[in-house]
């Protein structure tokens, strides 16, 4: 008796992961994000590839595209998770009177940078943004939409967005010199000393008095 011919396999669309690949669920997505943060941190935006992220995560590159799309979209998803602690800054502003927002914001942002667990992914974001315009555009979009506008809304003062941006420029500049470029004596200064000196300047930016 002649054996029945095997049923023809349904062709799969190019670039789309197989059913078994997509059935791995949220754990696989999280693994890809973790791999992306690791790759962007070690290599920067320019030298990181979707293929490299996939290899680190132990998945096919088509699965990375399936979950996130382009490399730019992977980067945005990865930094949004890494940037999440900073997004609580507006809430910190609302925890006390308006005349103390400068100290509260300075202490909050400095605390994020002082913590190694949150500092490492932030360093990766800043380095990528400084060296690549695409990464910088993603970072600007995230900072403007999810941080500065919310800070401005929490302040409820005239020119709130400009005030928030000036305060952010002050704090980002300090972070760059202290944690990225590591200029002394700022790099090894006591955090409380920095808060005492910087908070009044941030207060002036935010409230004008």
N, C-alpha and C. Protein backbone atom coordinates (compact mmCIF):
# COMPACT_ATOMS: atom_id res chain seq x y z
N UNK A 1 0.86 -1.20 0.00
CA UNK A 1 0.00 0.00 0.00
C UNK A 1 0.89 1.25 0.00
N UNK A 2 0.53 2.18 -0.84
CA UNK A 2 1.33 3.40 -0.94
C UNK A 2 1.02 4.32 0.22
N UNK A 3 2.09 4.79 0.88
CA UNK A 3 1.90 5.68 2.04
C UNK A 3 1.31 7.01 1.59
N UNK A 4 0.45 7.55 2.38
CA UNK A 4 -0.17 8.83 2.04
C UNK A 4 0.88 9.93 2.09
N UNK A 5 0.80 10.80 1.12
CA UNK A 5 1.75 11.92 1.07
C UNK A 5 1.49 12.86 2.23
N UNK A 6 2.55 13.38 2.84
CA UNK A 6 2.35 14.30 3.97
C UNK A 6 1.63 15.56 3.52
N UNK A 7 0.79 16.08 4.40
CA UNK A 7 0.05 17.30 4.07
C UNK A 7 1.03 18.45 3.90
N UNK A 8 0.79 19.30 2.90
CA UNK A 8 1.70 20.42 2.67
C UNK A 8 1.67 21.40 3.83
N UNK A 9 2.85 21.94 4.17
CA UNK A 9 2.94 22.90 5.26
C UNK A 9 2.47 24.26 4.79
N UNK A 10 1.72 24.92 5.65
CA UNK A 10 1.25 26.26 5.31
C UNK A 10 2.42 27.22 5.38
N UNK A 11 2.70 27.92 4.28
CA UNK A 11 3.85 28.84 4.31
C UNK A 11 3.64 29.95 5.31
N UNK A 12 4.71 30.33 5.96
CA UNK A 12 4.65 31.37 6.97
C UNK A 12 5.14 32.68 6.37
N UNK A 13 4.45 33.77 6.70
CA UNK A 13 4.85 35.08 6.18
C UNK A 13 6.24 35.43 6.67
N UNK A 14 7.03 35.98 5.78
CA UNK A 14 8.41 36.33 6.11
C UNK A 14 8.44 37.38 7.22
N UNK A 15 9.30 37.14 8.20
CA UNK A 15 9.47 38.09 9.29
C UNK A 15 8.48 37.91 10.42
N UNK A 16 7.52 37.02 10.28
CA UNK A 16 6.54 36.80 11.33
C UNK A 16 6.90 35.53 12.11
N UNK A 17 6.96 35.58 13.44
CA UNK A 17 7.35 34.41 14.21
C UNK A 17 6.29 33.32 14.13
N UNK A 18 6.72 32.09 14.34
CA UNK A 18 5.80 30.97 14.30
C UNK A 18 4.87 31.00 15.50
N UNK A 19 3.82 30.20 15.44
CA UNK A 19 2.85 30.14 16.53
C UNK A 19 3.51 29.73 17.84
N UNK A 20 4.41 28.76 17.76
CA UNK A 20 5.06 28.29 18.99
C UNK A 20 5.93 29.38 19.60
N UNK A 21 6.50 30.24 18.75
CA UNK A 21 7.31 31.33 19.28
C UNK A 21 6.47 32.36 20.03
N UNK A 22 5.29 32.67 19.49
CA UNK A 22 4.48 33.71 20.10
C UNK A 22 3.71 33.21 21.30
N UNK A 23 3.64 31.91 21.48
CA UNK A 23 2.90 31.36 22.60
C UNK A 23 3.69 31.41 23.91
N UNK A 24 4.91 31.89 23.85
CA UNK A 24 5.73 31.94 25.06
C UNK A 24 5.27 33.04 26.01
N UNK A 25 4.56 34.04 25.51
CA UNK A 25 3.87 35.00 26.36
C UNK A 25 4.73 36.08 26.99
N UNK A 26 4.20 36.71 28.07
CA UNK A 26 4.84 37.87 28.69
C UNK A 26 6.27 37.62 29.15
N UNK A 27 6.58 36.41 29.58
CA UNK A 27 7.93 36.13 30.07
C UNK A 27 8.96 36.34 28.97
N UNK A 28 8.61 35.96 27.75
CA UNK A 28 9.53 36.15 26.62
C UNK A 28 9.68 37.63 26.31
N UNK A 29 8.59 38.37 26.34
CA UNK A 29 8.64 39.81 26.09
C UNK A 29 9.54 40.49 27.12
N UNK A 30 9.39 40.11 28.37
CA UNK A 30 10.22 40.69 29.42
C UNK A 30 11.69 40.32 29.22
N UNK A 31 11.95 39.11 28.78
CA UNK A 31 13.32 38.67 28.53
C UNK A 31 13.95 39.48 27.40
N UNK A 32 13.16 39.78 26.39
CA UNK A 32 13.66 40.60 25.27
C UNK A 32 13.98 42.01 25.77
N UNK A 33 13.10 42.57 26.59
CA UNK A 33 13.34 43.91 27.14
C UNK A 33 14.61 43.95 27.99
N UNK A 34 14.80 42.93 28.80
CA UNK A 34 15.99 42.86 29.64
C UNK A 34 17.24 42.76 28.77
N UNK A 35 17.17 41.95 27.72
CA UNK A 35 18.30 41.83 26.80
C UNK A 35 18.56 43.14 26.09
N UNK A 36 17.50 43.85 25.72
CA UNK A 36 17.66 45.14 25.03
C UNK A 36 18.35 46.15 25.95
N UNK A 37 17.93 46.22 27.22
CA UNK A 37 18.59 47.15 28.15
C UNK A 37 20.06 46.81 28.31
N UNK A 38 20.35 45.52 28.37
CA UNK A 38 21.74 45.08 28.52
C UNK A 38 22.56 45.47 27.29
N UNK A 39 22.01 45.22 26.10
CA UNK A 39 22.74 45.53 24.87
C UNK A 39 22.94 47.02 24.70
N UNK A 40 21.89 47.80 24.92
CA UNK A 40 22.01 49.26 24.76
C UNK A 40 22.98 49.83 25.80
N UNK A 41 22.99 49.25 27.00
CA UNK A 41 23.89 49.72 28.04
C UNK A 41 25.34 49.45 27.69
N UNK A 42 25.62 48.27 27.17
CA UNK A 42 26.99 47.88 26.88
C UNK A 42 27.51 48.44 25.56
N UNK A 43 26.63 48.53 24.56
CA UNK A 43 27.07 48.88 23.20
C UNK A 43 26.63 50.26 22.73
N UNK A 44 25.64 50.85 23.40
CA UNK A 44 25.08 52.10 22.91
C UNK A 44 24.09 51.83 21.79
N UNK A 45 23.39 52.88 21.39
CA UNK A 45 22.32 52.69 20.39
C UNK A 45 22.89 52.28 19.03
N UNK A 46 23.95 52.95 18.60
CA UNK A 46 24.48 52.73 17.25
C UNK A 46 24.93 51.29 17.04
N UNK A 47 25.61 50.71 18.00
CA UNK A 47 26.22 49.39 17.82
C UNK A 47 25.28 48.25 18.22
N UNK A 48 24.12 48.58 18.75
CA UNK A 48 23.16 47.54 19.12
C UNK A 48 22.29 47.20 17.91
N UNK A 49 22.05 45.93 17.71
CA UNK A 49 21.20 45.47 16.61
C UNK A 49 20.07 44.61 17.15
N UNK A 50 19.00 44.51 16.37
CA UNK A 50 17.88 43.63 16.74
C UNK A 50 18.37 42.19 16.82
N UNK A 51 19.25 41.81 15.91
CA UNK A 51 19.79 40.45 15.92
C UNK A 51 20.57 40.19 17.22
N UNK A 52 21.36 41.19 17.64
CA UNK A 52 22.12 41.03 18.88
C UNK A 52 21.22 40.92 20.10
N UNK A 53 20.15 41.72 20.12
CA UNK A 53 19.18 41.64 21.22
C UNK A 53 18.54 40.26 21.25
N UNK A 54 18.16 39.77 20.06
CA UNK A 54 17.53 38.45 19.97
C UNK A 54 18.47 37.36 20.47
N UNK A 55 19.74 37.46 20.10
CA UNK A 55 20.72 36.45 20.52
C UNK A 55 20.87 36.44 22.04
N UNK A 56 20.96 37.62 22.62
CA UNK A 56 21.09 37.72 24.07
C UNK A 56 19.86 37.17 24.79
N UNK A 57 18.69 37.41 24.19
CA UNK A 57 17.44 36.94 24.80
C UNK A 57 17.16 35.47 24.50
N UNK A 58 17.91 34.89 23.56
CA UNK A 58 17.70 33.48 23.21
C UNK A 58 16.46 33.25 22.38
N UNK A 59 16.12 34.24 21.51
CA UNK A 59 14.95 34.09 20.65
C UNK A 59 15.33 34.43 19.22
N UNK A 60 14.42 34.17 18.30
CA UNK A 60 14.62 34.55 16.91
C UNK A 60 14.39 36.05 16.76
N UNK A 61 15.15 36.70 15.86
CA UNK A 61 15.00 38.15 15.68
C UNK A 61 13.60 38.52 15.22
N UNK A 62 12.92 37.60 14.51
CA UNK A 62 11.55 37.88 14.08
C UNK A 62 10.63 38.09 15.26
N UNK A 63 10.94 37.44 16.38
CA UNK A 63 10.11 37.58 17.57
C UNK A 63 10.28 38.97 18.19
N UNK A 64 11.49 39.52 18.11
CA UNK A 64 11.72 40.89 18.59
C UNK A 64 10.88 41.87 17.78
N UNK A 65 10.90 41.70 16.45
CA UNK A 65 10.09 42.56 15.58
C UNK A 65 8.60 42.38 15.88
N UNK A 66 8.20 41.16 16.15
CA UNK A 66 6.79 40.87 16.43
C UNK A 66 6.30 41.64 17.65
N UNK A 67 7.09 41.66 18.71
CA UNK A 67 6.68 42.30 19.95
C UNK A 67 6.86 43.82 19.91
N UNK A 68 7.93 44.31 19.27
CA UNK A 68 8.29 45.71 19.41
C UNK A 68 8.39 46.49 18.10
N UNK A 69 8.61 45.83 16.98
CA UNK A 69 8.76 46.55 15.73
C UNK A 69 10.22 46.85 15.42
N UNK A 70 10.53 48.13 15.20
CA UNK A 70 11.87 48.54 14.79
C UNK A 70 12.81 48.64 15.99
N UNK A 71 14.11 48.83 15.71
CA UNK A 71 15.08 49.01 16.78
C UNK A 71 14.74 50.26 17.60
N UNK A 72 14.28 51.31 16.95
CA UNK A 72 13.89 52.52 17.68
C UNK A 72 12.77 52.23 18.66
N UNK A 73 11.81 51.42 18.25
CA UNK A 73 10.70 51.08 19.13
C UNK A 73 11.15 50.18 20.28
N UNK A 74 12.10 49.29 20.01
CA UNK A 74 12.66 48.46 21.08
C UNK A 74 13.37 49.36 22.10
N UNK A 75 14.14 50.32 21.61
CA UNK A 75 14.86 51.24 22.48
C UNK A 75 13.88 52.03 23.35
N UNK A 76 12.81 52.52 22.74
CA UNK A 76 11.84 53.31 23.50
C UNK A 76 11.19 52.48 24.59
N UNK A 77 10.83 51.24 24.26
CA UNK A 77 10.23 50.37 25.27
C UNK A 77 11.21 50.06 26.39
N UNK A 78 12.47 49.85 26.03
CA UNK A 78 13.49 49.51 27.03
C UNK A 78 13.77 50.68 27.96
N UNK A 79 13.89 51.89 27.42
CA UNK A 79 14.22 53.02 28.28
C UNK A 79 13.02 53.48 29.09
N UNK A 80 11.81 53.23 28.58
CA UNK A 80 10.64 53.61 29.35
C UNK A 80 10.59 52.84 30.67
N UNK A 81 10.96 51.58 30.61
CA UNK A 81 11.02 50.77 31.83
C UNK A 81 12.15 51.28 32.74
N UNK A 82 13.31 51.54 32.13
CA UNK A 82 14.46 51.99 32.92
C UNK A 82 14.21 53.38 33.52
N UNK A 83 13.44 54.21 32.79
CA UNK A 83 13.19 55.58 33.20
C UNK A 83 12.03 55.68 34.20
N UNK A 84 11.34 54.57 34.40
CA UNK A 84 10.12 54.58 35.22
C UNK A 84 10.29 55.21 36.60
N UNK A 85 11.40 54.94 37.34
CA UNK A 85 11.52 55.56 38.68
C UNK A 85 11.46 57.09 38.64
N UNK A 86 12.01 57.70 37.58
CA UNK A 86 12.01 59.16 37.48
C UNK A 86 10.61 59.72 37.25
N UNK A 87 9.71 58.89 36.74
CA UNK A 87 8.36 59.36 36.44
C UNK A 87 7.53 59.60 37.69
N UNK A 88 8.07 59.23 38.85
CA UNK A 88 7.38 59.51 40.11
C UNK A 88 7.71 60.90 40.64
N UNK A 89 8.56 61.64 39.93
CA UNK A 89 8.96 62.98 40.39
C UNK A 89 7.77 63.92 40.59
N UNK A 90 6.80 63.98 39.67
CA UNK A 90 5.67 64.88 39.91
C UNK A 90 4.94 64.60 41.22
N UNK A 91 4.82 63.33 41.58
CA UNK A 91 4.18 62.98 42.85
C UNK A 91 4.98 63.51 44.03
N UNK A 92 6.31 63.49 43.90
CA UNK A 92 7.17 63.99 44.98
C UNK A 92 6.96 65.49 45.19
N UNK A 93 6.65 66.21 44.10
CA UNK A 93 6.44 67.65 44.22
C UNK A 93 5.17 67.97 44.99
N UNK A 94 4.20 67.08 44.93
CA UNK A 94 2.90 67.34 45.54
C UNK A 94 2.86 66.97 47.02
N UNK A 95 3.96 66.45 47.55
CA UNK A 95 3.96 65.94 48.92
C UNK A 95 4.17 67.02 49.98
N UNK A 96 4.30 68.27 49.58
CA UNK A 96 4.52 69.33 50.56
C UNK A 96 4.23 70.69 49.96
N UNK A 97 4.56 71.75 50.68
CA UNK A 97 4.27 73.11 50.21
C UNK A 97 5.10 73.50 49.00
N UNK A 98 4.61 74.50 48.27
CA UNK A 98 5.27 74.93 47.03
C UNK A 98 6.67 75.47 47.28
N UNK A 99 6.90 76.07 48.46
CA UNK A 99 8.22 76.65 48.72
C UNK A 99 9.29 75.59 49.02
N UNK A 100 8.92 74.30 48.99
CA UNK A 100 9.91 73.25 49.19
C UNK A 100 10.09 72.33 48.00
N UNK A 101 9.50 72.72 46.85
CA UNK A 101 9.56 71.81 45.69
C UNK A 101 10.98 71.66 45.16
N UNK A 102 11.78 72.72 45.27
CA UNK A 102 13.15 72.66 44.77
C UNK A 102 13.96 71.59 45.49
N UNK A 103 13.86 71.57 46.80
CA UNK A 103 14.59 70.57 47.57
C UNK A 103 14.03 69.17 47.32
N UNK A 104 12.70 69.03 47.26
CA UNK A 104 12.11 67.71 47.06
C UNK A 104 12.49 67.13 45.71
N UNK A 105 12.45 67.96 44.65
CA UNK A 105 12.80 67.45 43.32
C UNK A 105 14.29 67.13 43.24
N UNK A 106 15.13 68.00 43.79
CA UNK A 106 16.58 67.77 43.76
C UNK A 106 16.93 66.49 44.51
N UNK A 107 16.36 66.32 45.67
CA UNK A 107 16.64 65.13 46.48
C UNK A 107 16.13 63.86 45.80
N UNK A 108 14.96 63.96 45.17
CA UNK A 108 14.38 62.81 44.49
C UNK A 108 15.24 62.37 43.31
N UNK A 109 15.60 63.31 42.43
CA UNK A 109 16.39 62.98 41.24
C UNK A 109 17.78 62.50 41.63
N UNK A 110 18.40 63.17 42.59
CA UNK A 110 19.73 62.76 43.03
C UNK A 110 19.68 61.36 43.64
N UNK A 111 18.60 61.07 44.35
CA UNK A 111 18.46 59.74 44.95
C UNK A 111 18.41 58.64 43.90
N UNK A 112 17.77 58.90 42.78
CA UNK A 112 17.72 57.92 41.69
C UNK A 112 19.12 57.66 41.14
N UNK A 113 19.88 58.74 40.96
CA UNK A 113 21.24 58.59 40.42
C UNK A 113 22.19 57.95 41.43
N UNK A 114 21.94 58.16 42.72
CA UNK A 114 22.81 57.59 43.74
C UNK A 114 22.61 56.08 43.90
N UNK A 115 21.45 55.59 43.53
CA UNK A 115 21.14 54.16 43.66
C UNK A 115 21.71 53.40 42.46
N UNK A 116 22.68 52.50 42.66
CA UNK A 116 23.28 51.77 41.54
C UNK A 116 22.26 51.03 40.67
N UNK A 117 21.19 50.53 41.29
CA UNK A 117 20.20 49.76 40.54
C UNK A 117 19.48 50.61 39.51
N UNK A 118 19.26 51.89 39.83
CA UNK A 118 18.59 52.78 38.88
C UNK A 118 19.59 53.62 38.08
N UNK A 119 20.80 53.80 38.61
CA UNK A 119 21.80 54.61 37.90
C UNK A 119 22.29 53.92 36.63
N UNK A 120 22.53 52.62 36.67
CA UNK A 120 23.10 51.91 35.52
C UNK A 120 22.25 52.04 34.26
N UNK A 121 20.94 51.76 34.32
CA UNK A 121 20.14 51.94 33.09
C UNK A 121 20.03 53.39 32.66
N UNK A 122 20.04 54.34 33.61
CA UNK A 122 20.00 55.75 33.24
C UNK A 122 21.26 56.15 32.49
N UNK A 123 22.42 55.64 32.93
CA UNK A 123 23.66 55.92 32.22
C UNK A 123 23.60 55.44 30.78
N UNK A 124 23.00 54.26 30.58
CA UNK A 124 22.86 53.72 29.22
C UNK A 124 22.00 54.63 28.36
N UNK A 125 20.92 55.15 28.95
CA UNK A 125 20.02 56.04 28.21
C UNK A 125 20.76 57.32 27.82
N UNK A 126 21.42 57.94 28.78
CA UNK A 126 22.11 59.21 28.52
C UNK A 126 23.20 59.04 27.47
N UNK A 127 24.00 57.99 27.59
CA UNK A 127 25.08 57.77 26.64
C UNK A 127 24.54 57.55 25.23
N UNK A 128 23.47 56.79 25.11
CA UNK A 128 22.88 56.55 23.79
C UNK A 128 22.31 57.85 23.22
N UNK A 129 21.64 58.65 24.06
CA UNK A 129 21.03 59.89 23.61
C UNK A 129 22.07 60.91 23.17
N UNK A 130 23.20 60.94 23.86
CA UNK A 130 24.26 61.89 23.52
C UNK A 130 24.91 61.53 22.18
N UNK A 131 25.03 60.24 21.89
CA UNK A 131 25.79 59.80 20.73
C UNK A 131 24.95 59.53 19.48
N UNK A 132 23.63 59.54 19.59
CA UNK A 132 22.80 59.21 18.43
C UNK A 132 21.53 60.05 18.43
N UNK A 133 21.24 60.68 17.30
CA UNK A 133 20.09 61.57 17.21
C UNK A 133 18.76 60.83 17.32
N UNK A 134 18.70 59.62 16.78
CA UNK A 134 17.46 58.84 16.89
C UNK A 134 17.17 58.53 18.34
N UNK A 135 18.20 58.08 19.05
CA UNK A 135 18.03 57.80 20.48
C UNK A 135 17.70 59.07 21.25
N UNK A 136 18.30 60.19 20.87
CA UNK A 136 18.02 61.47 21.54
C UNK A 136 16.57 61.88 21.33
N UNK A 137 16.05 61.65 20.12
CA UNK A 137 14.66 62.01 19.84
C UNK A 137 13.69 61.19 20.68
N UNK A 138 13.99 59.91 20.83
CA UNK A 138 13.16 59.04 21.66
C UNK A 138 13.20 59.52 23.11
N UNK A 139 14.39 59.84 23.59
CA UNK A 139 14.57 60.30 24.97
C UNK A 139 13.82 61.62 25.20
N UNK A 140 13.94 62.55 24.24
CA UNK A 140 13.25 63.83 24.36
C UNK A 140 11.74 63.63 24.45
N UNK A 141 11.25 62.76 23.58
CA UNK A 141 9.81 62.51 23.55
C UNK A 141 9.32 61.95 24.89
N UNK A 142 10.07 61.04 25.44
CA UNK A 142 9.71 60.43 26.71
C UNK A 142 9.77 61.46 27.84
N UNK A 143 10.85 62.22 27.89
CA UNK A 143 11.03 63.19 28.96
C UNK A 143 9.96 64.28 28.89
N UNK A 144 9.71 64.79 27.67
CA UNK A 144 8.75 65.87 27.52
C UNK A 144 7.33 65.43 27.85
N UNK A 145 6.93 64.28 27.30
CA UNK A 145 5.54 63.84 27.43
C UNK A 145 5.22 63.29 28.81
N UNK A 146 6.17 62.57 29.40
CA UNK A 146 5.84 61.84 30.62
C UNK A 146 6.44 62.43 31.89
N UNK A 147 7.36 63.39 31.75
CA UNK A 147 7.98 63.93 32.96
C UNK A 147 7.78 65.44 33.08
N UNK A 148 8.32 66.20 32.12
CA UNK A 148 8.31 67.66 32.27
C UNK A 148 6.91 68.24 32.25
N UNK A 149 6.04 67.74 31.37
CA UNK A 149 4.67 68.28 31.34
C UNK A 149 3.92 67.94 32.62
N UNK A 150 4.21 66.78 33.19
CA UNK A 150 3.55 66.41 34.43
C UNK A 150 4.06 67.25 35.60
N UNK A 151 5.36 67.56 35.58
CA UNK A 151 5.91 68.44 36.60
C UNK A 151 5.28 69.83 36.49
N UNK A 152 5.17 70.32 35.25
CA UNK A 152 4.56 71.63 35.03
C UNK A 152 3.12 71.64 35.52
N UNK A 153 2.40 70.55 35.27
CA UNK A 153 1.01 70.47 35.73
C UNK A 153 0.92 70.43 37.24
N UNK A 154 1.88 69.79 37.88
CA UNK A 154 1.87 69.72 39.34
C UNK A 154 2.17 71.08 39.98
N UNK A 155 2.94 71.91 39.27
CA UNK A 155 3.31 73.22 39.82
C UNK A 155 2.16 74.21 39.74
N UNK A 156 1.45 74.20 38.61
CA UNK A 156 0.34 75.13 38.38
C UNK A 156 0.80 76.58 38.55
N UNK A 157 1.88 76.94 37.83
CA UNK A 157 2.41 78.31 37.85
C UNK A 157 2.56 78.79 36.41
N UNK A 158 2.65 80.11 36.18
CA UNK A 158 2.86 80.61 34.81
C UNK A 158 4.16 80.08 34.21
N UNK A 159 4.15 79.82 32.90
CA UNK A 159 5.34 79.30 32.20
C UNK A 159 5.83 78.01 32.84
N UNK A 160 4.91 77.15 33.22
CA UNK A 160 5.27 75.94 33.95
C UNK A 160 6.20 75.02 33.19
N UNK A 161 5.96 74.85 31.88
CA UNK A 161 6.81 73.94 31.10
C UNK A 161 8.23 74.46 30.98
N UNK A 162 8.37 75.77 30.74
CA UNK A 162 9.71 76.36 30.66
C UNK A 162 10.42 76.24 32.00
N UNK A 163 9.72 76.50 33.09
CA UNK A 163 10.31 76.39 34.41
C UNK A 163 10.78 74.95 34.68
N UNK A 164 9.93 73.98 34.30
CA UNK A 164 10.29 72.58 34.50
C UNK A 164 11.52 72.20 33.68
N UNK A 165 11.60 72.72 32.46
CA UNK A 165 12.75 72.41 31.60
C UNK A 165 14.03 73.02 32.15
N UNK A 166 13.95 74.24 32.68
CA UNK A 166 15.14 74.87 33.26
C UNK A 166 15.62 74.10 34.49
N UNK A 167 14.68 73.67 35.32
CA UNK A 167 15.05 72.87 36.49
C UNK A 167 15.67 71.55 36.06
N UNK A 168 15.08 70.92 35.04
CA UNK A 168 15.62 69.65 34.55
C UNK A 168 17.02 69.84 33.97
N UNK A 169 17.23 70.95 33.26
CA UNK A 169 18.55 71.22 32.69
C UNK A 169 19.60 71.33 33.80
N UNK A 170 19.23 71.97 34.90
CA UNK A 170 20.14 72.10 36.03
C UNK A 170 20.50 70.72 36.59
N UNK A 171 19.50 69.88 36.78
CA UNK A 171 19.72 68.57 37.40
C UNK A 171 20.40 67.59 36.45
N UNK A 172 20.05 67.65 35.17
CA UNK A 172 20.71 66.78 34.19
C UNK A 172 22.18 67.16 34.04
N UNK A 173 22.45 68.46 34.04
CA UNK A 173 23.84 68.91 33.96
C UNK A 173 24.67 68.40 35.12
N UNK A 174 24.11 68.44 36.31
CA UNK A 174 24.82 67.91 37.49
C UNK A 174 25.04 66.42 37.35
N UNK A 175 24.01 65.71 36.89
CA UNK A 175 24.13 64.26 36.71
C UNK A 175 25.22 63.92 35.69
N UNK A 176 25.29 64.67 34.61
CA UNK A 176 26.31 64.43 33.59
C UNK A 176 27.71 64.61 34.16
N UNK A 177 27.91 65.71 34.89
CA UNK A 177 29.24 65.99 35.43
C UNK A 177 29.62 65.02 36.55
N UNK A 178 28.65 64.64 37.37
CA UNK A 178 28.95 63.81 38.55
C UNK A 178 29.06 62.32 38.18
N UNK A 179 28.13 61.82 37.34
CA UNK A 179 28.05 60.38 37.13
C UNK A 179 28.57 59.90 35.77
N UNK A 180 28.55 60.78 34.78
CA UNK A 180 29.01 60.37 33.44
C UNK A 180 30.45 60.80 33.20
N UNK A 181 30.70 62.12 33.31
CA UNK A 181 32.05 62.64 33.08
C UNK A 181 32.92 62.49 34.32
N UNK A 182 32.28 62.49 35.49
CA UNK A 182 32.93 62.30 36.79
C UNK A 182 33.99 63.37 37.06
N UNK A 183 33.55 64.63 36.99
CA UNK A 183 34.42 65.77 37.26
C UNK A 183 34.54 65.97 38.77
N UNK A 184 35.77 66.06 39.24
CA UNK A 184 36.00 66.32 40.67
C UNK A 184 36.09 67.82 40.92
N UNK A 185 35.66 68.29 42.09
CA UNK A 185 35.25 67.51 43.27
C UNK A 185 33.77 67.11 43.28
N UNK A 186 33.02 67.49 42.24
CA UNK A 186 31.60 67.17 42.23
C UNK A 186 31.34 65.67 42.28
N UNK A 187 32.17 64.89 41.59
CA UNK A 187 31.95 63.44 41.49
C UNK A 187 31.98 62.75 42.85
N UNK A 188 32.76 63.28 43.78
CA UNK A 188 32.88 62.62 45.09
C UNK A 188 32.29 63.46 46.22
N UNK A 189 31.59 64.54 45.88
CA UNK A 189 30.99 65.39 46.91
C UNK A 189 29.87 64.66 47.63
N UNK A 190 29.65 65.02 48.87
CA UNK A 190 28.56 64.42 49.64
C UNK A 190 27.22 64.83 49.03
N UNK A 191 26.31 63.88 48.84
CA UNK A 191 25.01 64.20 48.23
C UNK A 191 24.25 65.29 48.96
N UNK A 192 24.34 65.32 50.29
CA UNK A 192 23.63 66.34 51.06
C UNK A 192 24.18 67.73 50.77
N UNK A 193 25.49 67.81 50.55
CA UNK A 193 26.08 69.11 50.19
C UNK A 193 25.55 69.58 48.84
N UNK A 194 25.41 68.67 47.90
CA UNK A 194 24.87 69.01 46.59
C UNK A 194 23.43 69.49 46.71
N UNK A 195 22.63 68.79 47.50
CA UNK A 195 21.23 69.18 47.69
C UNK A 195 21.15 70.59 48.27
N UNK A 196 21.97 70.88 49.28
CA UNK A 196 21.93 72.21 49.93
C UNK A 196 22.25 73.32 48.94
N UNK A 197 23.21 73.07 48.05
CA UNK A 197 23.63 74.12 47.13
C UNK A 197 22.73 74.24 45.91
N UNK A 198 22.19 73.12 45.45
CA UNK A 198 21.44 73.11 44.19
C UNK A 198 19.96 73.38 44.38
N UNK A 199 19.39 72.92 45.50
CA UNK A 199 17.95 73.04 45.71
C UNK A 199 17.43 74.47 45.59
N UNK A 200 18.13 75.49 46.15
CA UNK A 200 17.61 76.86 45.99
C UNK A 200 17.56 77.31 44.53
N UNK A 201 18.52 76.86 43.71
CA UNK A 201 18.54 77.22 42.29
C UNK A 201 17.36 76.56 41.58
N UNK A 202 17.13 75.27 41.87
CA UNK A 202 15.99 74.56 41.28
C UNK A 202 14.68 75.20 41.73
N UNK A 203 14.61 75.60 42.99
CA UNK A 203 13.42 76.29 43.50
C UNK A 203 13.16 77.57 42.73
N UNK A 204 14.21 78.34 42.45
CA UNK A 204 14.06 79.58 41.70
C UNK A 204 13.55 79.32 40.29
N UNK A 205 14.05 78.26 39.66
CA UNK A 205 13.57 77.91 38.34
C UNK A 205 12.09 77.54 38.36
N UNK A 206 11.68 76.79 39.37
CA UNK A 206 10.32 76.24 39.39
C UNK A 206 9.28 77.27 39.81
N UNK A 207 9.61 78.13 40.76
CA UNK A 207 8.60 79.06 41.31
C UNK A 207 8.95 80.53 41.15
N UNK A 208 10.22 80.82 40.85
CA UNK A 208 10.60 82.23 40.66
C UNK A 208 10.85 82.97 41.95
N UNK A 209 10.89 82.25 43.09
CA UNK A 209 11.19 82.92 44.36
C UNK A 209 11.74 81.90 45.34
